[in-house]
N, C-alpha and C. Protein backbone atom coordinates (compact mmCIF):
# COMPACT_ATOMS: atom_id res chain seq x y z
N MET A 1 161.43 52.46 297.69
CA MET A 1 160.52 52.71 296.59
C MET A 1 159.29 51.85 296.82
N ASP A 2 158.13 52.49 296.83
CA ASP A 2 156.89 51.73 297.03
C ASP A 2 156.42 51.14 295.71
N ASP A 3 155.43 50.25 295.77
CA ASP A 3 154.94 49.58 294.57
C ASP A 3 154.39 50.55 293.53
N GLU A 4 153.73 51.60 293.99
CA GLU A 4 153.16 52.57 293.05
C GLU A 4 154.26 53.29 292.29
N ALA A 5 155.33 53.68 292.98
CA ALA A 5 156.44 54.35 292.31
C ALA A 5 157.11 53.41 291.31
N LEU A 6 157.24 52.14 291.67
CA LEU A 6 157.84 51.17 290.78
C LEU A 6 157.03 51.04 289.49
N LEU A 7 155.73 51.04 289.61
CA LEU A 7 154.87 50.87 288.45
C LEU A 7 154.94 52.05 287.48
N ARG A 8 155.34 53.22 287.95
CA ARG A 8 155.44 54.40 287.09
C ARG A 8 156.76 54.44 286.33
N GLY A 9 157.76 53.65 286.75
CA GLY A 9 159.10 53.74 286.19
C GLY A 9 159.21 53.22 284.77
N ARG A 10 160.26 53.67 284.10
CA ARG A 10 160.58 53.19 282.75
C ARG A 10 161.78 52.26 282.89
N VAL A 11 161.75 51.15 282.19
CA VAL A 11 162.80 50.15 282.29
C VAL A 11 163.94 50.46 281.32
N TYR A 12 165.18 50.41 281.82
CA TYR A 12 166.36 50.60 280.99
C TYR A 12 166.33 49.57 279.85
N GLY A 13 166.57 50.03 278.65
CA GLY A 13 166.60 49.15 277.49
C GLY A 13 165.27 48.98 276.79
N ALA A 14 164.20 49.52 277.36
CA ALA A 14 162.89 49.43 276.70
C ALA A 14 162.92 50.26 275.42
N ASP A 15 162.28 49.77 274.39
CA ASP A 15 162.21 50.51 273.13
C ASP A 15 161.47 51.82 273.34
N HIS A 16 161.93 52.87 272.65
CA HIS A 16 161.27 54.17 272.76
C HIS A 16 159.84 54.12 272.21
N ASP A 17 159.58 53.20 271.31
CA ASP A 17 158.25 53.07 270.72
C ASP A 17 157.32 52.18 271.54
N ASP A 18 157.85 51.55 272.56
CA ASP A 18 157.05 50.63 273.38
C ASP A 18 155.94 51.41 274.08
N PRO A 19 154.69 51.05 273.85
CA PRO A 19 153.59 51.78 274.50
C PRO A 19 153.53 51.53 276.01
N ASP A 20 154.21 50.49 276.49
CA ASP A 20 154.24 50.18 277.92
C ASP A 20 155.68 49.87 278.34
N PRO A 21 156.51 50.92 278.51
CA PRO A 21 157.93 50.71 278.81
C PRO A 21 158.20 50.45 280.29
N GLY A 22 157.16 50.22 281.06
CA GLY A 22 157.30 50.03 282.49
C GLY A 22 157.64 48.61 282.88
N PRO A 23 157.74 48.38 284.18
CA PRO A 23 158.09 47.06 284.69
C PRO A 23 157.03 46.01 284.38
N ARG A 24 157.48 44.79 284.31
CA ARG A 24 156.61 43.65 284.01
C ARG A 24 156.37 42.83 285.28
N PRO A 25 155.19 42.29 285.43
CA PRO A 25 154.92 41.43 286.59
C PRO A 25 155.88 40.24 286.62
N GLY A 26 156.28 39.87 287.82
CA GLY A 26 157.16 38.72 287.99
C GLY A 26 158.63 39.01 287.77
N HIS A 27 158.98 40.26 287.49
CA HIS A 27 160.38 40.65 287.31
C HIS A 27 160.88 41.40 288.54
N GLU A 28 162.20 41.42 288.69
CA GLU A 28 162.82 42.12 289.82
C GLU A 28 163.63 43.29 289.25
N TYR A 29 163.53 44.45 289.89
CA TYR A 29 164.16 45.67 289.37
C TYR A 29 164.99 46.38 290.44
N ARG A 30 165.94 47.18 289.96
CA ARG A 30 166.69 48.11 290.79
C ARG A 30 166.50 49.50 290.20
N GLU A 31 166.33 50.50 291.07
CA GLU A 31 166.19 51.88 290.62
C GLU A 31 167.57 52.49 290.45
N LEU A 32 167.82 53.10 289.29
CA LEU A 32 169.09 53.77 289.02
C LEU A 32 168.97 55.22 289.49
N VAL A 33 169.95 55.65 290.29
CA VAL A 33 169.90 56.97 290.93
C VAL A 33 171.12 57.78 290.52
N GLY A 34 170.88 58.96 289.97
CA GLY A 34 171.96 59.85 289.57
C GLY A 34 172.49 59.48 288.19
N GLY A 35 173.38 60.31 287.68
CA GLY A 35 174.01 60.03 286.40
C GLY A 35 173.05 60.09 285.23
N PRO A 36 173.50 59.61 284.08
CA PRO A 36 172.71 59.76 282.85
C PRO A 36 171.46 58.89 282.80
N LEU A 37 171.36 57.88 283.63
CA LEU A 37 170.20 56.98 283.58
C LEU A 37 169.30 57.14 284.80
N ASP A 38 169.43 58.27 285.46
CA ASP A 38 168.67 58.55 286.68
C ASP A 38 167.17 58.32 286.49
N GLY A 39 166.58 57.57 287.40
CA GLY A 39 165.15 57.34 287.38
C GLY A 39 164.70 56.11 286.61
N LEU A 40 165.60 55.51 285.83
CA LEU A 40 165.24 54.29 285.11
C LEU A 40 165.30 53.09 286.05
N LEU A 41 164.62 52.03 285.66
CA LEU A 41 164.65 50.77 286.40
C LEU A 41 165.48 49.77 285.60
N LEU A 42 166.31 49.01 286.30
CA LEU A 42 167.12 47.98 285.66
C LEU A 42 166.53 46.62 286.02
N ASP A 43 166.21 45.83 285.01
CA ASP A 43 165.67 44.49 285.22
C ASP A 43 166.81 43.56 285.61
N VAL A 44 166.79 43.06 286.84
CA VAL A 44 167.82 42.16 287.34
C VAL A 44 167.27 40.75 287.57
N THR A 45 166.15 40.46 286.95
CA THR A 45 165.54 39.14 287.08
C THR A 45 166.54 38.06 286.69
N GLY A 46 166.74 37.10 287.55
CA GLY A 46 167.63 35.99 287.27
C GLY A 46 169.09 36.23 287.61
N TRP A 47 169.44 37.44 288.04
CA TRP A 47 170.82 37.71 288.42
C TRP A 47 171.11 37.00 289.74
N ASP A 48 172.28 36.38 289.86
CA ASP A 48 172.66 35.75 291.13
C ASP A 48 173.28 36.80 292.05
N ALA A 49 173.52 36.42 293.30
CA ALA A 49 174.03 37.37 294.31
C ALA A 49 175.36 37.97 293.91
N GLU A 50 176.24 37.19 293.32
CA GLU A 50 177.55 37.71 292.93
C GLU A 50 177.42 38.79 291.86
N ARG A 51 176.58 38.55 290.89
CA ARG A 51 176.38 39.55 289.83
C ARG A 51 175.76 40.82 290.40
N LEU A 52 174.79 40.66 291.29
CA LEU A 52 174.17 41.83 291.93
C LEU A 52 175.20 42.62 292.73
N ASP A 53 176.12 41.94 293.39
CA ASP A 53 177.15 42.62 294.19
C ASP A 53 178.06 43.48 293.35
N HIS A 54 178.24 43.11 292.08
CA HIS A 54 179.16 43.85 291.20
C HIS A 54 178.52 45.05 290.52
N GLY A 55 177.22 45.20 290.61
CA GLY A 55 176.56 46.32 289.95
C GLY A 55 176.54 46.11 288.44
N ALA A 56 176.49 47.23 287.70
CA ALA A 56 176.37 47.11 286.25
C ALA A 56 177.03 48.28 285.54
N ALA A 57 177.61 47.99 284.39
CA ALA A 57 178.12 49.01 283.47
C ALA A 57 177.17 49.01 282.28
N LEU A 58 176.37 50.04 282.18
CA LEU A 58 175.27 50.07 281.21
C LEU A 58 175.56 50.99 280.04
N ALA A 59 175.37 50.48 278.85
CA ALA A 59 175.60 51.27 277.64
C ALA A 59 174.64 52.46 277.61
N THR A 60 175.19 53.63 277.28
CA THR A 60 174.36 54.83 277.15
C THR A 60 175.06 55.85 276.26
N GLU A 61 174.27 56.57 275.52
CA GLU A 61 174.79 57.67 274.71
C GLU A 61 174.74 58.98 275.48
N LEU A 62 174.17 58.95 276.67
CA LEU A 62 173.95 60.16 277.44
C LEU A 62 175.09 60.50 278.40
N GLY A 63 176.05 59.61 278.58
CA GLY A 63 177.13 59.81 279.53
C GLY A 63 178.23 60.72 279.00
N ALA A 64 179.27 60.84 279.77
CA ALA A 64 180.39 61.73 279.45
C ALA A 64 181.13 61.31 278.18
N PHE A 65 181.03 60.06 277.78
CA PHE A 65 181.78 59.57 276.62
C PHE A 65 180.93 59.39 275.38
N GLY A 66 179.66 59.80 275.44
CA GLY A 66 178.79 59.73 274.27
C GLY A 66 178.53 58.30 273.82
N ALA A 67 178.24 58.15 272.53
CA ALA A 67 177.92 56.84 271.96
C ALA A 67 179.04 55.85 272.27
N GLY A 68 178.67 54.68 272.73
CA GLY A 68 179.65 53.66 273.06
C GLY A 68 180.11 53.72 274.51
N GLY A 69 179.73 54.77 275.22
CA GLY A 69 180.13 54.89 276.62
C GLY A 69 179.26 54.06 277.54
N ARG A 70 179.70 53.94 278.77
CA ARG A 70 178.96 53.17 279.77
C ARG A 70 178.83 53.99 281.05
N ALA A 71 177.68 53.83 281.69
CA ALA A 71 177.43 54.43 283.00
C ALA A 71 177.49 53.31 284.03
N HIS A 72 178.27 53.50 285.08
CA HIS A 72 178.46 52.48 286.10
C HIS A 72 177.57 52.75 287.31
N TYR A 73 176.86 51.71 287.73
CA TYR A 73 175.95 51.81 288.87
C TYR A 73 176.24 50.66 289.84
N GLY A 74 176.17 50.98 291.13
CA GLY A 74 176.36 49.97 292.16
C GLY A 74 175.37 50.19 293.29
N TRP A 75 175.11 49.13 294.04
CA TRP A 75 174.10 49.17 295.09
C TRP A 75 174.47 50.15 296.19
N ARG A 76 173.44 50.71 296.75
CA ARG A 76 173.56 51.68 297.85
C ARG A 76 173.63 50.90 299.17
N PRO A 77 174.62 51.16 300.01
CA PRO A 77 174.76 50.40 301.25
C PRO A 77 173.53 50.43 302.16
N THR A 78 172.76 51.50 302.11
CA THR A 78 171.59 51.61 302.99
C THR A 78 170.31 51.12 302.34
N ASP A 79 170.35 50.83 301.03
CA ASP A 79 169.15 50.37 300.33
C ASP A 79 169.58 49.68 299.04
N ARG A 80 169.70 48.38 299.09
CA ARG A 80 170.22 47.62 297.94
C ARG A 80 169.27 47.61 296.75
N ARG A 81 168.06 48.14 296.92
CA ARG A 81 167.13 48.24 295.79
C ARG A 81 167.42 49.46 294.93
N ARG A 82 168.23 50.37 295.45
CA ARG A 82 168.63 51.57 294.70
C ARG A 82 170.11 51.47 294.38
N TRP A 83 170.43 51.70 293.13
CA TRP A 83 171.83 51.66 292.69
C TRP A 83 172.26 53.06 292.31
N ASP A 84 173.33 53.51 292.91
CA ASP A 84 173.86 54.86 292.69
C ASP A 84 174.87 54.89 291.55
N TRP A 85 174.85 56.00 290.83
CA TRP A 85 175.79 56.22 289.73
C TRP A 85 177.19 56.37 290.33
N GLN A 86 178.17 55.70 289.70
CA GLN A 86 179.56 55.73 290.18
C GLN A 86 180.51 56.34 289.16
N GLY A 87 179.98 56.76 288.03
CA GLY A 87 180.81 57.38 287.01
C GLY A 87 180.60 56.76 285.65
N ASP A 88 181.27 57.33 284.65
CA ASP A 88 181.16 56.88 283.26
C ASP A 88 182.52 56.37 282.78
N SER A 89 182.50 55.55 281.75
CA SER A 89 183.72 55.09 281.11
C SER A 89 183.48 54.96 279.62
N PRO A 90 184.56 54.99 278.85
CA PRO A 90 184.41 54.84 277.39
C PRO A 90 183.97 53.43 277.01
């Protein structure tokens, strides 16, 4: 993902009313690929290597389990800046 593409992205968890839901300078992001959160950016600023290795289970109402469900994302072996959808859970 080039810098221009990163600047166009919307950050996971940004308020829908936020006039600037994009990435912030000085933060580190991962692109979510596939699944209900496809195309969003996840702010991983301050995450240590162990936490990054485990990926993330992100709350979403858009997944297979609706409200209260989670979408699981983990790093892509060929590009650790992109995290692929691994499925949903309640």
